[in-house]
Amino acid sequence: MANKLNIVLEEADESQSWLELAAKCGVTSPESIRDLHFRANRIVGLCVASIQTLRSETQPRNRGSEESKIEAKA
């Protein structure tokens, strides 16, 4: 899942680059560019947060501290 989100992240980043080029060339109105740039930023933010969550959930948990607490109680 994280790999697919990384692809989405790369595509959103590339879209932002194209939006910047479109703005420099005056292809469309500044309002349209701002709106699309805002949406692309939201997509990037959501993907980054989702990737971080997935990675934190798939990392092995530190069981050493839990085991030492159980041994200390015994």
C-alpha atoms as a PDB file:
ATOM      1  CA  MET A   1       0.000   0.000   0.000  1.00  0.00           C
ATOM      2  CA  ALA A   2       2.798   2.429   0.886  1.00  0.00           C
ATOM      3  CA  ASN A   3       4.381   1.818  -2.527  1.00  0.00           C
ATOM      4  CA  LYS A   4       1.180   2.797  -4.297  1.00  0.00           C
ATOM      5  CA  LEU A   5       0.883   5.918  -2.151  1.00  0.00           C
ATOM      6  CA  ASN A   6       4.461   6.804  -3.054  1.00  0.00           C
ATOM      7  CA  ILE A   7       3.449   6.698  -6.723  1.00  0.00           C
ATOM      8  CA  VAL A   8       0.503   8.992  -5.997  1.00  0.00           C
ATOM      9  CA  LEU A   9       2.867  11.311  -4.120  1.00  0.00           C
ATOM     10  CA  GLU A  10       5.278  11.448  -7.068  1.00  0.00           C
ATOM     11  CA  GLU A  11       2.444  12.137  -9.503  1.00  0.00           C
ATOM     12  CA  ALA A  12       1.009  14.907  -7.322  1.00  0.00           C
ATOM     13  CA  ASP A  13       4.468  16.462  -7.059  1.00  0.00           C
ATOM     14  CA  GLU A  14       4.865  16.344 -10.833  1.00  0.00           C
ATOM     15  CA  SER A  15       1.421  17.895 -11.241  1.00  0.00           C
ATOM     16  CA  GLN A  16       2.527  20.787  -9.057  1.00  0.00           C
ATOM     17  CA  SER A  17       5.535  21.314 -11.330  1.00  0.00           C
ATOM     18  CA  TRP A  18       3.254  21.447 -14.357  1.00  0.00           C
ATOM     19  CA  LEU A  19       0.971  23.902 -12.563  1.00  0.00           C
ATOM     20  CA  GLU A  20       3.929  26.177 -11.863  1.00  0.00           C
ATOM     21  CA  LEU A  21       4.881  26.047 -15.544  1.00  0.00           C
ATOM     22  CA  ALA A  22       1.291  26.789 -16.585  1.00  0.00           C
ATOM     23  CA  ALA A  23       1.257  29.779 -14.237  1.00  0.00           C
ATOM     24  CA  LYS A  24       4.514  31.139 -15.674  1.00  0.00           C
ATOM     25  CA  CYS A  25       3.204  30.755 -19.221  1.00  0.00           C
ATOM     26  CA  GLY A  26      -0.138  32.366 -18.406  1.00  0.00           C
ATOM     27  CA  VAL A  27      -2.067  29.386 -19.778  1.00  0.00           C
ATOM     28  CA  THR A  28      -4.968  29.828 -17.380  1.00  0.00           C
ATOM     29  CA  SER A  29      -6.196  32.245 -14.733  1.00  0.00           C
ATOM     30  CA  PRO A  30      -4.204  32.682 -11.513  1.00  0.00           C
ATOM     31  CA  GLU A  31      -7.321  31.719  -9.531  1.00  0.00           C
ATOM     32  CA  SER A  32      -7.525  28.347 -11.283  1.00  0.00           C
ATOM     33  CA  ILE A  33      -3.832  27.706 -10.680  1.00  0.00           C
ATOM     34  CA  ARG A  34      -4.158  28.615  -6.989  1.00  0.00           C
ATOM     35  CA  ASP A  35      -7.135  26.304  -6.554  1.00  0.00           C
ATOM     36  CA  LEU A  36      -5.421  23.393  -8.289  1.00  0.00           C
ATOM     37  CA  HIS A  37      -2.181  24.014  -6.394  1.00  0.00           C
ATOM     38  CA  PHE A  38      -4.143  23.992  -3.120  1.00  0.00           C
ATOM     39  CA  ARG A  39      -5.753  20.675  -4.050  1.00  0.00           C
ATOM     40  CA  ALA A  40      -2.412  19.157  -5.055  1.00  0.00           C
ATOM     41  CA  ASN A  41      -0.912  20.277  -1.725  1.00  0.00           C
ATOM     42  CA  ARG A  42      -3.755  18.559   0.123  1.00  0.00           C
ATOM     43  CA  ILE A  43      -3.173  15.345  -1.822  1.00  0.00           C
ATOM     44  CA  VAL A  44       0.543  15.492  -1.010  1.00  0.00           C
ATOM     45  CA  GLY A  45      -0.204  16.067   2.683  1.00  0.00           C
ATOM     46  CA  LEU A  46      -2.694  13.209   2.858  1.00  0.00           C
ATOM     47  CA  CYS A  47      -0.306  10.833   1.113  1.00  0.00           C
ATOM     48  CA  VAL A  48       2.618  11.755   3.362  1.00  0.00           C
ATOM     49  CA  ALA A  49       0.494  11.274   6.483  1.00  0.00           C
ATOM     50  CA  SER A  50      -0.858   7.946   5.201  1.00  0.00           C
ATOM     51  CA  ILE A  51       2.616   6.671   4.311  1.00  0.00           C
ATOM     52  CA  GLN A  52       3.926   7.620   7.739  1.00  0.00           C
ATOM     53  CA  THR A  53       1.002   5.868   9.433  1.00  0.00           C
ATOM     54  CA  LEU A  54       1.473   2.726   7.361  1.00  0.00           C
ATOM     55  CA  ARG A  55       5.187   2.622   8.090  1.00  0.00           C
ATOM     56  CA  SER A  56       4.678   3.110  11.820  1.00  0.00           C
ATOM     57  CA  GLU A  57       2.087   0.321  11.911  1.00  0.00           C
ATOM     58  CA  THR A  58       4.258  -2.138  10.006  1.00  0.00           C
ATOM     59  CA  GLN A  59       7.419  -1.631  12.088  1.00  0.00           C
ATOM     60  CA  PRO A  60       8.066  -4.308  14.688  1.00  0.00           C
ATOM     61  CA  ARG A  61       7.120  -3.223  18.175  1.00  0.00           C
ATOM     62  CA  ASN A  62       9.711  -3.027  20.925  1.00  0.00           C
ATOM     63  CA  ARG A  63       8.778  -6.014  23.053  1.00  0.00           C
ATOM     64  CA  GLY A  64      11.851  -5.821  25.278  1.00  0.00           C
ATOM     65  CA  SER A  65      10.373  -3.184  27.538  1.00  0.00           C
ATOM     66  CA  GLU A  66       7.085  -5.081  27.893  1.00  0.00           C
ATOM     67  CA  GLU A  67       8.867  -8.310  28.749  1.00  0.00           C
ATOM     68  CA  SER A  68      11.026  -6.601  31.376  1.00  0.00           C
ATOM     69  CA  LYS A  69       7.900  -5.160  33.036  1.00  0.00           C
ATOM     70  CA  ILE A  70       6.343  -8.628  33.243  1.00  0.00           C
ATOM     71  CA  GLU A  71       9.539 -10.130  34.647  1.00  0.00           C
ATOM     72  CA  ALA A  72       9.809  -7.362  37.243  1.00  0.00           C
ATOM     73  CA  LYS A  73       6.289  -8.099  38.514  1.00  0.00           C
ATOM     74  CA  ALA A  74       7.002 -11.838  38.904  1.00  0.00           C
END
